[in-house]
Amino acid sequence: MDQLTVYVVDDSRDAADSLAMLLGLMGHQARACYGGEEALALAQTDRPHCVMLDITMVGMDGLELARQFREQFGDDVILVAVTGSPPDDPRVRETFVTVDHYFQKPVTLEQIQKLFPA
């Protein structure tokens, strides 16, 4: 697989940094963003192929971030919800109409490999 630009958006720096590091080790250009505003600003000059976003962030939550990415880039970006919230959480259910994939934290290597096959 070609190198992809992947944003990992999470207000938990440790979570964002560790997932971005794993994606980098897999050969992708991964960027950790610590909030939705940061990710949207970065996307204006370096458009991602994929955005992995937490749903329950402080400030702009993942649902709003997903909506804005869809509005700006349509289906040209893969959106992946990565959250500690269970699938029956109302915020998560609402996100299902906007995102392409949903992973409950902690994300496993197997899930990442299925999303980005070699």
N, C-alpha and C. Protein backbone atom coordinates (compact mmCIF):
# COMPACT_ATOMS: atom_id res chain seq x y z
N MET A 1 0.85 -1.18 0.00
CA MET A 1 0.00 0.00 0.00
C MET A 1 0.89 1.24 0.00
N ASP A 2 0.43 2.25 -0.71
CA ASP A 2 1.15 3.50 -0.74
C ASP A 2 1.08 4.18 0.62
N GLN A 3 2.01 5.08 0.85
CA GLN A 3 2.00 5.85 2.09
C GLN A 3 0.79 6.77 2.09
N LEU A 4 0.05 6.75 3.19
CA LEU A 4 -1.11 7.60 3.35
C LEU A 4 -0.83 8.67 4.38
N THR A 5 -1.50 9.80 4.23
CA THR A 5 -1.47 10.84 5.24
C THR A 5 -2.65 10.60 6.17
N VAL A 6 -2.35 10.36 7.44
CA VAL A 6 -3.38 10.03 8.43
C VAL A 6 -3.27 11.01 9.58
N TYR A 7 -4.38 11.65 9.92
CA TYR A 7 -4.44 12.48 11.12
C TYR A 7 -5.03 11.65 12.25
N VAL A 8 -4.41 11.73 13.40
CA VAL A 8 -4.94 11.13 14.61
C VAL A 8 -5.33 12.29 15.52
N VAL A 9 -6.64 12.47 15.72
CA VAL A 9 -7.14 13.63 16.45
C VAL A 9 -7.72 13.17 17.78
N ASP A 10 -7.07 13.59 18.85
CA ASP A 10 -7.51 13.19 20.19
C ASP A 10 -6.99 14.24 21.16
N ASP A 11 -7.83 14.65 22.11
CA ASP A 11 -7.35 15.63 23.09
C ASP A 11 -6.48 14.98 24.16
N SER A 12 -6.39 13.66 24.15
CA SER A 12 -5.40 12.96 24.99
C SER A 12 -4.12 12.85 24.17
N ARG A 13 -3.12 13.62 24.56
CA ARG A 13 -1.86 13.63 23.81
C ARG A 13 -1.23 12.25 23.73
N ASP A 14 -1.27 11.51 24.83
CA ASP A 14 -0.68 10.17 24.82
C ASP A 14 -1.37 9.27 23.81
N ALA A 15 -2.69 9.31 23.77
CA ALA A 15 -3.44 8.48 22.82
C ALA A 15 -3.12 8.87 21.38
N ALA A 16 -3.14 10.17 21.10
CA ALA A 16 -2.86 10.64 19.74
C ALA A 16 -1.43 10.31 19.33
N ASP A 17 -0.48 10.57 20.23
CA ASP A 17 0.93 10.33 19.90
C ASP A 17 1.22 8.85 19.67
N SER A 18 0.67 7.98 20.52
CA SER A 18 0.99 6.56 20.39
C SER A 18 0.37 5.96 19.13
N LEU A 19 -0.86 6.33 18.79
CA LEU A 19 -1.47 5.81 17.57
C LEU A 19 -0.76 6.37 16.33
N ALA A 20 -0.39 7.63 16.37
CA ALA A 20 0.36 8.22 15.25
C ALA A 20 1.72 7.54 15.09
N MET A 21 2.35 7.21 16.20
CA MET A 21 3.64 6.53 16.13
C MET A 21 3.49 5.15 15.49
N LEU A 22 2.45 4.41 15.88
CA LEU A 22 2.19 3.09 15.30
C LEU A 22 1.97 3.20 13.79
N LEU A 23 1.16 4.16 13.38
CA LEU A 23 0.91 4.36 11.95
C LEU A 23 2.19 4.74 11.21
N GLY A 24 3.04 5.54 11.85
CA GLY A 24 4.31 5.90 11.24
C GLY A 24 5.21 4.68 11.07
N LEU A 25 5.22 3.80 12.05
CA LEU A 25 6.00 2.57 11.95
C LEU A 25 5.48 1.66 10.84
N MET A 26 4.21 1.80 10.52
CA MET A 26 3.62 1.02 9.43
C MET A 26 3.88 1.66 8.07
N GLY A 27 4.57 2.79 8.06
CA GLY A 27 4.95 3.42 6.80
C GLY A 27 4.08 4.57 6.33
N HIS A 28 3.18 5.03 7.18
CA HIS A 28 2.31 6.13 6.80
C HIS A 28 2.81 7.45 7.38
N GLN A 29 2.38 8.53 6.78
CA GLN A 29 2.69 9.85 7.31
C GLN A 29 1.57 10.19 8.29
N ALA A 30 1.83 9.98 9.55
CA ALA A 30 0.82 10.18 10.58
C ALA A 30 1.11 11.46 11.35
N ARG A 31 0.06 12.21 11.60
CA ARG A 31 0.18 13.47 12.33
C ARG A 31 -0.78 13.45 13.51
N ALA A 32 -0.25 13.68 14.69
CA ALA A 32 -1.08 13.79 15.88
C ALA A 32 -1.60 15.21 15.98
N CYS A 33 -2.90 15.34 16.14
CA CYS A 33 -3.54 16.65 16.36
C CYS A 33 -4.29 16.54 17.67
N TYR A 34 -4.22 17.58 18.48
CA TYR A 34 -4.78 17.51 19.83
C TYR A 34 -6.14 18.21 19.95
N GLY A 35 -6.76 18.48 18.81
CA GLY A 35 -8.09 19.08 18.80
C GLY A 35 -8.58 19.22 17.38
N GLY A 36 -9.89 19.38 17.25
CA GLY A 36 -10.50 19.48 15.94
C GLY A 36 -10.07 20.69 15.16
N GLU A 37 -9.94 21.83 15.83
CA GLU A 37 -9.53 23.05 15.14
C GLU A 37 -8.15 22.89 14.51
N GLU A 38 -7.25 22.26 15.25
CA GLU A 38 -5.89 22.02 14.74
C GLU A 38 -5.92 21.14 13.49
N ALA A 39 -6.72 20.09 13.52
CA ALA A 39 -6.81 19.18 12.37
C ALA A 39 -7.39 19.88 11.14
N LEU A 40 -8.43 20.67 11.34
CA LEU A 40 -9.03 21.39 10.21
C LEU A 40 -8.07 22.41 9.62
N ALA A 41 -7.33 23.10 10.46
CA ALA A 41 -6.36 24.08 9.96
C ALA A 41 -5.26 23.38 9.16
N LEU A 42 -4.76 22.28 9.67
CA LEU A 42 -3.71 21.53 8.98
C LEU A 42 -4.21 21.00 7.63
N ALA A 43 -5.46 20.59 7.57
CA ALA A 43 -6.03 20.02 6.35
C ALA A 43 -6.12 21.02 5.21
N GLN A 44 -6.05 22.31 5.52
CA GLN A 44 -6.11 23.32 4.48
C GLN A 44 -4.86 23.31 3.61
N THR A 45 -3.75 22.84 4.16
CA THR A 45 -2.50 22.80 3.38
C THR A 45 -1.97 21.39 3.17
N ASP A 46 -2.44 20.44 3.93
CA ASP A 46 -1.94 19.06 3.83
C ASP A 46 -3.12 18.11 4.02
N ARG A 47 -3.87 17.92 2.95
CA ARG A 47 -5.11 17.15 3.04
C ARG A 47 -4.85 15.69 3.38
N PRO A 48 -5.54 15.16 4.38
CA PRO A 48 -5.34 13.76 4.76
C PRO A 48 -6.13 12.79 3.89
N HIS A 49 -5.65 11.56 3.85
CA HIS A 49 -6.41 10.48 3.25
C HIS A 49 -7.41 9.92 4.26
N CYS A 50 -7.00 9.98 5.54
CA CYS A 50 -7.78 9.38 6.62
C CYS A 50 -7.66 10.24 7.87
N VAL A 51 -8.77 10.35 8.62
CA VAL A 51 -8.77 11.04 9.90
C VAL A 51 -9.32 10.07 10.94
N MET A 52 -8.52 9.77 11.94
CA MET A 52 -8.95 8.94 13.06
C MET A 52 -9.22 9.89 14.20
N LEU A 53 -10.49 9.97 14.64
CA LEU A 53 -10.86 11.02 15.58
C LEU A 53 -11.60 10.47 16.79
N ASP A 54 -11.29 11.07 17.93
CA ASP A 54 -11.99 10.75 19.16
C ASP A 54 -13.33 11.46 19.13
N ILE A 55 -14.34 10.84 19.69
CA ILE A 55 -15.67 11.44 19.70
C ILE A 55 -15.81 12.48 20.81
N THR A 56 -15.30 12.16 22.01
CA THR A 56 -15.58 12.98 23.19
C THR A 56 -14.40 13.88 23.54
N MET A 57 -14.05 14.78 22.63
CA MET A 57 -12.96 15.72 22.89
C MET A 57 -13.51 16.99 23.51
N VAL A 58 -12.66 17.67 24.26
CA VAL A 58 -12.98 18.99 24.80
C VAL A 58 -12.94 19.98 23.63
N GLY A 59 -13.80 20.97 23.67
CA GLY A 59 -13.86 21.92 22.56
C GLY A 59 -14.70 21.31 21.45
N MET A 60 -14.18 21.33 20.23
CA MET A 60 -14.89 20.72 19.12
C MET A 60 -14.86 19.21 19.29
N ASP A 61 -16.04 18.60 19.41
CA ASP A 61 -16.06 17.15 19.59
C ASP A 61 -15.89 16.45 18.24
N GLY A 62 -15.73 15.15 18.30
CA GLY A 62 -15.48 14.38 17.09
C GLY A 62 -16.62 14.39 16.10
N LEU A 63 -17.85 14.48 16.60
CA LEU A 63 -19.00 14.53 15.71
C LEU A 63 -18.96 15.79 14.85
N GLU A 64 -18.70 16.92 15.47
CA GLU A 64 -18.61 18.18 14.71
C GLU A 64 -17.41 18.14 13.76
N LEU A 65 -16.31 17.60 14.22
CA LEU A 65 -15.13 17.49 13.36
C LEU A 65 -15.43 16.62 12.14
N ALA A 66 -16.09 15.50 12.35
CA ALA A 66 -16.44 14.62 11.23
C ALA A 66 -17.37 15.34 10.25
N ARG A 67 -18.33 16.07 10.77
CA ARG A 67 -19.24 16.83 9.89
C ARG A 67 -18.47 17.84 9.04
N GLN A 68 -17.54 18.54 9.67
CA GLN A 68 -16.79 19.55 8.93
C GLN A 68 -15.88 18.93 7.88
N PHE A 69 -15.26 17.80 8.20
CA PHE A 69 -14.43 17.13 7.19
C PHE A 69 -15.29 16.66 6.03
N ARG A 70 -16.47 16.11 6.31
CA ARG A 70 -17.38 15.67 5.24
C ARG A 70 -17.81 16.86 4.38
N GLU A 71 -18.10 17.97 5.03
CA GLU A 71 -18.54 19.16 4.32
C GLU A 71 -17.44 19.66 3.39
N GLN A 72 -16.19 19.65 3.87
CA GLN A 72 -15.08 20.18 3.08
C GLN A 72 -14.55 19.21 2.04
N PHE A 73 -14.51 17.91 2.37
CA PHE A 73 -13.83 16.95 1.50
C PHE A 73 -14.73 15.82 0.99
N GLY A 74 -15.99 15.81 1.40
CA GLY A 74 -16.90 14.75 0.94
C GLY A 74 -16.39 13.38 1.33
N ASP A 75 -16.55 12.45 0.41
CA ASP A 75 -16.12 11.07 0.68
C ASP A 75 -14.67 10.83 0.30
N ASP A 76 -13.93 11.89 -0.02
CA ASP A 76 -12.52 11.74 -0.40
C ASP A 76 -11.61 11.51 0.80
N VAL A 77 -12.16 11.55 2.00
CA VAL A 77 -11.37 11.28 3.20
C VAL A 77 -12.08 10.18 3.98
N ILE A 78 -11.30 9.23 4.48
CA ILE A 78 -11.85 8.15 5.31
C ILE A 78 -11.90 8.67 6.75
N LEU A 79 -13.07 8.57 7.37
CA LEU A 79 -13.23 9.02 8.74
C LEU A 79 -13.43 7.80 9.64
N VAL A 80 -12.62 7.75 10.70
CA VAL A 80 -12.66 6.63 11.63
C VAL A 80 -12.87 7.17 13.04
N ALA A 81 -13.98 6.79 13.67
CA ALA A 81 -14.21 7.16 15.07
C ALA A 81 -13.41 6.21 15.94
N VAL A 82 -12.60 6.78 16.82
CA VAL A 82 -11.81 6.00 17.78
C VAL A 82 -12.16 6.56 19.15
N THR A 83 -12.91 5.81 19.94
CA THR A 83 -13.41 6.36 21.19
C THR A 83 -13.53 5.32 22.28
N GLY A 84 -13.50 5.79 23.49
CA GLY A 84 -13.72 4.92 24.63
C GLY A 84 -15.19 4.71 24.91
N SER A 85 -16.04 5.46 24.23
CA SER A 85 -17.48 5.34 24.43
C SER A 85 -18.02 4.10 23.73
N PRO A 86 -18.98 3.41 24.36
CA PRO A 86 -19.54 2.21 23.74
C PRO A 86 -20.43 2.56 22.55
N PRO A 87 -20.67 1.60 21.66
CA PRO A 87 -21.46 1.88 20.46
C PRO A 87 -22.89 2.32 20.73
N ASP A 88 -23.43 2.03 21.92
CA ASP A 88 -24.80 2.45 22.21
C ASP A 88 -24.89 3.86 22.80
N ASP A 89 -23.75 4.52 22.99
CA ASP A 89 -23.74 5.92 23.45
C ASP A 89 -24.39 6.77 22.37
N PRO A 90 -25.32 7.66 22.73
CA PRO A 90 -26.01 8.48 21.72
C PRO A 90 -25.06 9.28 20.81
N ARG A 91 -23.96 9.80 21.36
CA ARG A 91 -23.01 10.56 20.53
C ARG A 91 -22.36 9.64 19.50
N VAL A 92 -22.05 8.42 19.90
CA VAL A 92 -21.43 7.47 18.98
C VAL A 92 -22.43 7.07 17.90
N ARG A 93 -23.66 6.75 18.30
CA ARG A 93 -24.68 6.37 17.31
C ARG A 93 -24.90 7.48 16.30
N GLU A 94 -24.91 8.72 16.76
CA GLU A 94 -25.09 9.85 15.86
C GLU A 94 -23.92 9.97 14.89
N THR A 95 -22.74 9.59 15.33
CA THR A 95 -21.55 9.67 14.50
C THR A 95 -21.55 8.63 13.39
N PHE A 96 -22.23 7.50 13.60
CA PHE A 96 -22.22 6.42 12.61
C PHE A 96 -22.65 6.87 11.22
N VAL A 97 -23.51 7.87 11.13
CA VAL A 97 -23.95 8.33 9.81
C VAL A 97 -22.88 9.13 9.09
N THR A 98 -21.87 9.59 9.81
CA THR A 98 -20.84 10.44 9.24
C THR A 98 -19.52 9.71 9.01
N VAL A 99 -19.17 8.77 9.88
CA VAL A 99 -17.87 8.11 9.77
C VAL A 99 -17.97 6.82 8.97
N ASP A 100 -16.80 6.37 8.50
CA ASP A 100 -16.72 5.13 7.73
C ASP A 100 -16.48 3.91 8.60
N HIS A 101 -15.79 4.12 9.72
CA HIS A 101 -15.43 3.01 10.62
C HIS A 101 -15.52 3.48 12.06
N TYR A 102 -15.70 2.53 12.96
CA TYR A 102 -15.76 2.82 14.41
C TYR A 102 -14.88 1.81 15.12
N PHE A 103 -13.97 2.30 15.94
CA PHE A 103 -13.13 1.45 16.80
C PHE A 103 -13.29 1.91 18.23
N GLN A 104 -13.49 0.96 19.13
CA GLN A 104 -13.54 1.30 20.54
C GLN A 104 -12.12 1.17 21.10
N LYS A 105 -11.72 2.15 21.92
CA LYS A 105 -10.39 2.14 22.53
C LYS A 105 -10.29 0.99 23.51
N PRO A 106 -9.15 0.39 23.64
CA PRO A 106 -7.92 0.64 22.88
C PRO A 106 -7.98 -0.03 21.51
N VAL A 107 -7.48 0.67 20.50
CA VAL A 107 -7.42 0.14 19.15
C VAL A 107 -6.34 -0.93 19.10
N THR A 108 -6.64 -2.02 18.44
CA THR A 108 -5.66 -3.11 18.34
C THR A 108 -4.87 -3.02 17.04
N LEU A 109 -3.73 -3.64 17.04
CA LEU A 109 -2.91 -3.70 15.84
C LEU A 109 -3.68 -4.38 14.71
N GLU A 110 -4.44 -5.40 15.03
CA GLU A 110 -5.22 -6.11 14.01
C GLU A 110 -6.25 -5.19 13.35
N GLN A 111 -6.90 -4.33 14.14
CA GLN A 111 -7.85 -3.39 13.56
C GLN A 111 -7.16 -2.42 12.60
N ILE A 112 -6.00 -1.94 13.02
CA ILE A 112 -5.25 -1.01 12.17
C ILE A 112 -4.80 -1.70 10.89
N GLN A 113 -4.35 -2.93 10.99
CA GLN A 113 -3.89 -3.67 9.82
C GLN A 113 -5.03 -3.93 8.85
N LYS A 114 -6.24 -4.17 9.35
CA LYS A 114 -7.39 -4.37 8.46
C LYS A 114 -7.77 -3.07 7.77
N LEU A 115 -7.64 -1.96 8.49
CA LEU A 115 -7.96 -0.66 7.91
C LEU A 115 -6.93 -0.24 6.86
N PHE A 116 -5.67 -0.54 7.13
CA PHE A 116 -4.57 -0.18 6.23
C PHE A 116 -3.79 -1.44 5.84
N PRO A 117 -4.36 -2.29 4.98
CA PRO A 117 -3.65 -3.52 4.62
C PRO A 117 -2.36 -3.23 3.87
N ALA A 118 -1.38 -4.07 4.07
CA ALA A 118 -0.07 -3.87 3.42
C ALA A 118 -0.13 -4.18 1.94
